[in-house]
Amino acid sequence: MSIKSVLREELDNSLRMQERYEQELSKLPKGSLVKRRIKGHDYYYLVYREDGKVRSIYQGKPDAEEIARSRAAQNQRAKYRKLLSKVKRQVRFLRGILRGKEPI
């Protein structure tokens, strides 16, 4: 077994992981729940990006459970984005190595 075949196998595995992370990210709800204090009162908004612009939608007064779910989703999204970034760097690195002319 040559090193090149091991690298190809690792590239295939990395591409599968990248696809899985993107699927998991797409399952999570978009945006973050943000609390704004206006004239001494708390207002909650769902903030997300759409077409390069930041959008805010008033959410009313959510209960503690909804706030916790929003924070958990936000943490999961951050985790998957970090993993996706790492695996994309790895894919770029492996493709660069496999593109080389000399036999490995």
N, C-alpha and C. Protein backbone atom coordinates (compact mmCIF):
# COMPACT_ATOMS: atom_id res chain seq x y z
N MET A 1 0.85 -1.18 0.00
CA MET A 1 0.00 0.00 0.00
C MET A 1 0.90 1.24 0.00
N SER A 2 0.67 2.11 -0.97
CA SER A 2 1.50 3.31 -1.06
C SER A 2 0.93 4.43 -0.20
N ILE A 3 1.77 5.40 0.04
CA ILE A 3 1.35 6.55 0.85
C ILE A 3 0.26 7.32 0.12
N LYS A 4 0.37 7.37 -1.21
CA LYS A 4 -0.61 8.11 -1.99
C LYS A 4 -2.02 7.52 -1.83
N SER A 5 -2.13 6.21 -1.77
CA SER A 5 -3.46 5.59 -1.58
C SER A 5 -4.01 5.90 -0.19
N VAL A 6 -3.13 5.95 0.80
CA VAL A 6 -3.55 6.31 2.16
C VAL A 6 -4.03 7.76 2.18
N LEU A 7 -3.33 8.64 1.47
CA LEU A 7 -3.73 10.04 1.40
C LEU A 7 -5.06 10.20 0.68
N ARG A 8 -5.28 9.43 -0.39
CA ARG A 8 -6.57 9.47 -1.11
C ARG A 8 -7.71 9.02 -0.19
N GLU A 9 -7.44 7.97 0.56
CA GLU A 9 -8.44 7.47 1.51
C GLU A 9 -8.76 8.53 2.57
N GLU A 10 -7.73 9.20 3.05
CA GLU A 10 -7.94 10.26 4.04
C GLU A 10 -8.70 11.43 3.43
N LEU A 11 -8.42 11.74 2.17
CA LEU A 11 -9.16 12.81 1.48
C LEU A 11 -10.63 12.45 1.35
N ASP A 12 -10.92 11.21 0.96
CA ASP A 12 -12.32 10.77 0.86
C ASP A 12 -13.03 10.86 2.20
N ASN A 13 -12.34 10.44 3.24
CA ASN A 13 -12.90 10.50 4.59
C ASN A 13 -13.17 11.95 5.00
N SER A 14 -12.23 12.84 4.69
CA SER A 14 -12.39 14.26 5.03
C SER A 14 -13.56 14.88 4.27
N LEU A 15 -13.73 14.49 3.01
CA LEU A 15 -14.85 15.02 2.22
C LEU A 15 -16.20 14.54 2.78
N ARG A 16 -16.24 13.29 3.24
CA ARG A 16 -17.47 12.78 3.89
C ARG A 16 -17.77 13.55 5.16
N MET A 17 -16.72 13.82 5.96
CA MET A 17 -16.90 14.58 7.19
C MET A 17 -17.38 15.99 6.88
N GLN A 18 -16.83 16.62 5.86
CA GLN A 18 -17.23 17.96 5.47
C GLN A 18 -18.72 17.99 5.10
N GLU A 19 -19.15 17.01 4.33
CA GLU A 19 -20.56 16.93 3.93
C GLU A 19 -21.46 16.74 5.15
N ARG A 20 -21.03 15.88 6.08
CA ARG A 20 -21.83 15.64 7.29
C ARG A 20 -21.95 16.90 8.14
N TYR A 21 -20.84 17.63 8.30
CA TYR A 21 -20.88 18.87 9.09
C TYR A 21 -21.80 19.89 8.44
N GLU A 22 -21.76 20.00 7.11
CA GLU A 22 -22.63 20.94 6.42
C GLU A 22 -24.10 20.55 6.58
N GLN A 23 -24.39 19.25 6.55
CA GLN A 23 -25.77 18.79 6.77
C GLN A 23 -26.24 19.13 8.18
N GLU A 24 -25.39 18.89 9.16
CA GLU A 24 -25.75 19.20 10.54
C GLU A 24 -25.97 20.69 10.74
N LEU A 25 -25.15 21.51 10.11
CA LEU A 25 -25.32 22.96 10.20
C LEU A 25 -26.66 23.39 9.58
N SER A 26 -27.03 22.76 8.49
CA SER A 26 -28.28 23.14 7.82
C SER A 26 -29.50 22.76 8.66
N LYS A 27 -29.37 21.76 9.53
CA LYS A 27 -30.48 21.34 10.39
C LYS A 27 -30.74 22.32 11.53
N LEU A 28 -29.69 23.03 11.94
CA LEU A 28 -29.83 23.95 13.07
C LEU A 28 -30.60 25.20 12.66
N PRO A 29 -31.34 25.81 13.59
CA PRO A 29 -32.08 27.02 13.26
C PRO A 29 -31.12 28.18 12.98
N LYS A 30 -31.52 29.04 12.09
CA LYS A 30 -30.69 30.19 11.73
C LYS A 30 -30.80 31.26 12.80
N GLY A 31 -29.74 32.02 12.95
CA GLY A 31 -29.77 33.20 13.80
C GLY A 31 -29.54 32.95 15.28
N SER A 32 -29.56 34.06 16.01
CA SER A 32 -29.35 34.04 17.46
C SER A 32 -30.43 34.88 18.12
N LEU A 33 -30.81 34.47 19.30
CA LEU A 33 -31.76 35.23 20.09
C LEU A 33 -30.98 36.28 20.87
N VAL A 34 -31.35 37.56 20.67
CA VAL A 34 -30.62 38.67 21.27
C VAL A 34 -31.59 39.49 22.12
N LYS A 35 -31.12 39.85 23.33
CA LYS A 35 -31.93 40.69 24.22
C LYS A 35 -31.45 42.12 24.09
N ARG A 36 -32.40 43.04 23.85
CA ARG A 36 -32.07 44.46 23.78
C ARG A 36 -32.87 45.19 24.86
N ARG A 37 -32.19 46.08 25.55
CA ARG A 37 -32.85 46.88 26.59
C ARG A 37 -33.13 48.26 25.99
N ILE A 38 -34.42 48.57 25.89
CA ILE A 38 -34.85 49.83 25.32
C ILE A 38 -35.74 50.54 26.34
N LYS A 39 -35.30 51.71 26.79
CA LYS A 39 -36.02 52.51 27.78
C LYS A 39 -36.40 51.69 29.01
N GLY A 40 -35.45 50.86 29.46
CA GLY A 40 -35.65 50.10 30.69
C GLY A 40 -36.42 48.79 30.53
N HIS A 41 -36.83 48.45 29.32
CA HIS A 41 -37.57 47.22 29.08
C HIS A 41 -36.74 46.29 28.19
N ASP A 42 -36.87 44.98 28.44
CA ASP A 42 -36.14 43.98 27.65
C ASP A 42 -37.01 43.52 26.48
N TYR A 43 -36.40 43.52 25.29
CA TYR A 43 -37.06 43.04 24.09
C TYR A 43 -36.15 41.99 23.45
N TYR A 44 -36.74 40.90 22.96
CA TYR A 44 -35.97 39.81 22.37
C TYR A 44 -36.19 39.79 20.86
N TYR A 45 -35.07 39.63 20.14
CA TYR A 45 -35.09 39.60 18.69
C TYR A 45 -34.32 38.38 18.19
N LEU A 46 -34.79 37.82 17.08
CA LEU A 46 -34.05 36.79 16.38
C LEU A 46 -33.23 37.52 15.32
N VAL A 47 -31.89 37.43 15.41
CA VAL A 47 -31.00 38.16 14.52
C VAL A 47 -30.28 37.14 13.63
N TYR A 48 -30.32 37.39 12.31
CA TYR A 48 -29.66 36.50 11.36
C TYR A 48 -29.27 37.30 10.13
N ARG A 49 -28.44 36.69 9.28
CA ARG A 49 -28.01 37.34 8.03
C ARG A 49 -28.82 36.76 6.87
N GLU A 50 -29.20 37.68 5.97
CA GLU A 50 -29.93 37.27 4.77
C GLU A 50 -29.48 38.19 3.64
N ASP A 51 -28.96 37.61 2.59
CA ASP A 51 -28.47 38.37 1.43
C ASP A 51 -27.45 39.43 1.84
N GLY A 52 -26.59 39.10 2.79
CA GLY A 52 -25.53 40.01 3.21
C GLY A 52 -25.98 41.09 4.18
N LYS A 53 -27.24 41.08 4.57
CA LYS A 53 -27.75 42.08 5.50
C LYS A 53 -28.17 41.41 6.80
N VAL A 54 -28.06 42.15 7.89
CA VAL A 54 -28.47 41.65 9.20
C VAL A 54 -29.96 41.94 9.37
N ARG A 55 -30.73 40.92 9.68
CA ARG A 55 -32.18 41.04 9.87
C ARG A 55 -32.50 40.78 11.33
N SER A 56 -33.47 41.52 11.86
CA SER A 56 -33.93 41.33 13.23
C SER A 56 -35.44 41.17 13.22
N ILE A 57 -35.92 40.12 13.87
CA ILE A 57 -37.35 39.87 13.97
C ILE A 57 -37.73 39.84 15.44
N TYR A 58 -38.69 40.65 15.81
CA TYR A 58 -39.13 40.72 17.21
C TYR A 58 -39.74 39.38 17.61
N GLN A 59 -39.35 38.87 18.79
CA GLN A 59 -39.80 37.57 19.25
C GLN A 59 -40.72 37.63 20.47
N GLY A 60 -40.92 38.78 21.03
CA GLY A 60 -41.72 38.86 22.25
C GLY A 60 -40.89 38.44 23.45
N LYS A 61 -41.53 37.96 24.49
CA LYS A 61 -40.84 37.52 25.70
C LYS A 61 -40.77 36.00 25.71
N PRO A 62 -39.63 35.42 25.30
CA PRO A 62 -39.52 33.96 25.31
C PRO A 62 -39.35 33.42 26.73
N ASP A 63 -39.75 32.17 26.94
CA ASP A 63 -39.55 31.57 28.26
C ASP A 63 -38.10 31.09 28.39
N ALA A 64 -37.73 30.70 29.59
CA ALA A 64 -36.34 30.30 29.87
C ALA A 64 -35.93 29.09 29.03
N GLU A 65 -36.86 28.19 28.77
CA GLU A 65 -36.56 26.99 27.99
C GLU A 65 -36.20 27.36 26.54
N GLU A 66 -36.93 28.30 25.97
CA GLU A 66 -36.65 28.73 24.61
C GLU A 66 -35.31 29.44 24.52
N ILE A 67 -34.98 30.23 25.52
CA ILE A 67 -33.68 30.90 25.56
C ILE A 67 -32.55 29.87 25.65
N ALA A 68 -32.75 28.85 26.48
CA ALA A 68 -31.73 27.79 26.62
C ALA A 68 -31.56 27.02 25.30
N ARG A 69 -32.67 26.73 24.61
CA ARG A 69 -32.59 26.03 23.32
C ARG A 69 -31.83 26.87 22.30
N SER A 70 -32.09 28.16 22.31
CA SER A 70 -31.41 29.06 21.37
C SER A 70 -29.91 29.10 21.64
N ARG A 71 -29.54 29.17 22.91
CA ARG A 71 -28.11 29.19 23.26
C ARG A 71 -27.43 27.87 22.90
N ALA A 72 -28.14 26.75 23.14
CA ALA A 72 -27.58 25.44 22.80
C ALA A 72 -27.36 25.34 21.29
N ALA A 73 -28.33 25.80 20.50
CA ALA A 73 -28.20 25.76 19.04
C ALA A 73 -27.05 26.65 18.60
N GLN A 74 -26.89 27.80 19.24
CA GLN A 74 -25.80 28.72 18.92
C GLN A 74 -24.45 28.06 19.21
N ASN A 75 -24.35 27.36 20.33
CA ASN A 75 -23.10 26.67 20.68
C ASN A 75 -22.81 25.54 19.70
N GLN A 76 -23.86 24.78 19.31
CA GLN A 76 -23.68 23.70 18.34
C GLN A 76 -23.22 24.26 17.00
N ARG A 77 -23.83 25.37 16.58
CA ARG A 77 -23.45 25.99 15.31
C ARG A 77 -21.98 26.40 15.34
N ALA A 78 -21.53 26.99 16.44
CA ALA A 78 -20.13 27.40 16.56
C ALA A 78 -19.21 26.19 16.50
N LYS A 79 -19.60 25.10 17.16
CA LYS A 79 -18.80 23.88 17.17
C LYS A 79 -18.66 23.31 15.76
N TYR A 80 -19.81 23.22 15.03
CA TYR A 80 -19.76 22.66 13.68
C TYR A 80 -19.00 23.57 12.72
N ARG A 81 -19.11 24.88 12.88
CA ARG A 81 -18.36 25.79 12.02
C ARG A 81 -16.86 25.63 12.23
N LYS A 82 -16.45 25.45 13.47
CA LYS A 82 -15.03 25.26 13.77
C LYS A 82 -14.53 23.94 13.16
N LEU A 83 -15.31 22.87 13.33
CA LEU A 83 -14.93 21.58 12.76
C LEU A 83 -14.90 21.65 11.23
N LEU A 84 -15.87 22.34 10.65
CA LEU A 84 -15.93 22.48 9.20
C LEU A 84 -14.72 23.24 8.68
N SER A 85 -14.32 24.27 9.39
CA SER A 85 -13.13 25.04 9.00
C SER A 85 -11.89 24.15 9.01
N LYS A 86 -11.75 23.35 10.06
CA LYS A 86 -10.58 22.46 10.16
C LYS A 86 -10.56 21.44 9.02
N VAL A 87 -11.72 20.84 8.75
CA VAL A 87 -11.75 19.79 7.72
C VAL A 87 -11.56 20.40 6.33
N LYS A 88 -12.01 21.62 6.10
CA LYS A 88 -11.77 22.27 4.81
C LYS A 88 -10.29 22.54 4.60
N ARG A 89 -9.60 22.96 5.66
CA ARG A 89 -8.14 23.16 5.57
C ARG A 89 -7.45 21.84 5.25
N GLN A 90 -7.91 20.76 5.90
CA GLN A 90 -7.32 19.45 5.68
C GLN A 90 -7.54 18.99 4.24
N VAL A 91 -8.74 19.20 3.71
CA VAL A 91 -9.04 18.82 2.33
C VAL A 91 -8.14 19.60 1.37
N ARG A 92 -7.99 20.90 1.60
CA ARG A 92 -7.14 21.73 0.75
C ARG A 92 -5.69 21.22 0.77
N PHE A 93 -5.21 20.88 1.98
CA PHE A 93 -3.85 20.37 2.15
C PHE A 93 -3.67 19.04 1.41
N LEU A 94 -4.61 18.11 1.59
CA LEU A 94 -4.50 16.80 0.96
C LEU A 94 -4.59 16.89 -0.56
N ARG A 95 -5.48 17.75 -1.06
CA ARG A 95 -5.56 17.92 -2.51
C ARG A 95 -4.26 18.49 -3.06
N GLY A 96 -3.64 19.39 -2.34
CA GLY A 96 -2.36 19.95 -2.76
C GLY A 96 -1.27 18.89 -2.82
N ILE A 97 -1.24 18.02 -1.83
CA ILE A 97 -0.24 16.94 -1.79
C ILE A 97 -0.47 15.95 -2.95
N LEU A 98 -1.73 15.59 -3.16
CA LEU A 98 -2.05 14.60 -4.20
C LEU A 98 -1.88 15.17 -5.61
N ARG A 99 -1.85 16.47 -5.75
CA ARG A 99 -1.68 17.11 -7.04
C ARG A 99 -0.22 17.08 -7.49
N GLY A 100 0.69 16.84 -6.55
CA GLY A 100 2.12 16.85 -6.85
C GLY A 100 2.51 15.86 -7.94
N LYS A 101 3.61 16.16 -8.62
CA LYS A 101 4.04 15.34 -9.76
C LYS A 101 4.87 14.12 -9.35
N GLU A 102 5.67 14.26 -8.31
CA GLU A 102 6.58 13.16 -7.96
C GLU A 102 5.79 12.04 -7.26
N PRO A 103 6.17 10.80 -7.49
CA PRO A 103 5.49 9.67 -6.85
C PRO A 103 5.81 9.63 -5.35
N ILE A 104 4.83 9.25 -4.59
CA ILE A 104 5.02 9.16 -3.13
C ILE A 104 5.02 7.71 -2.71
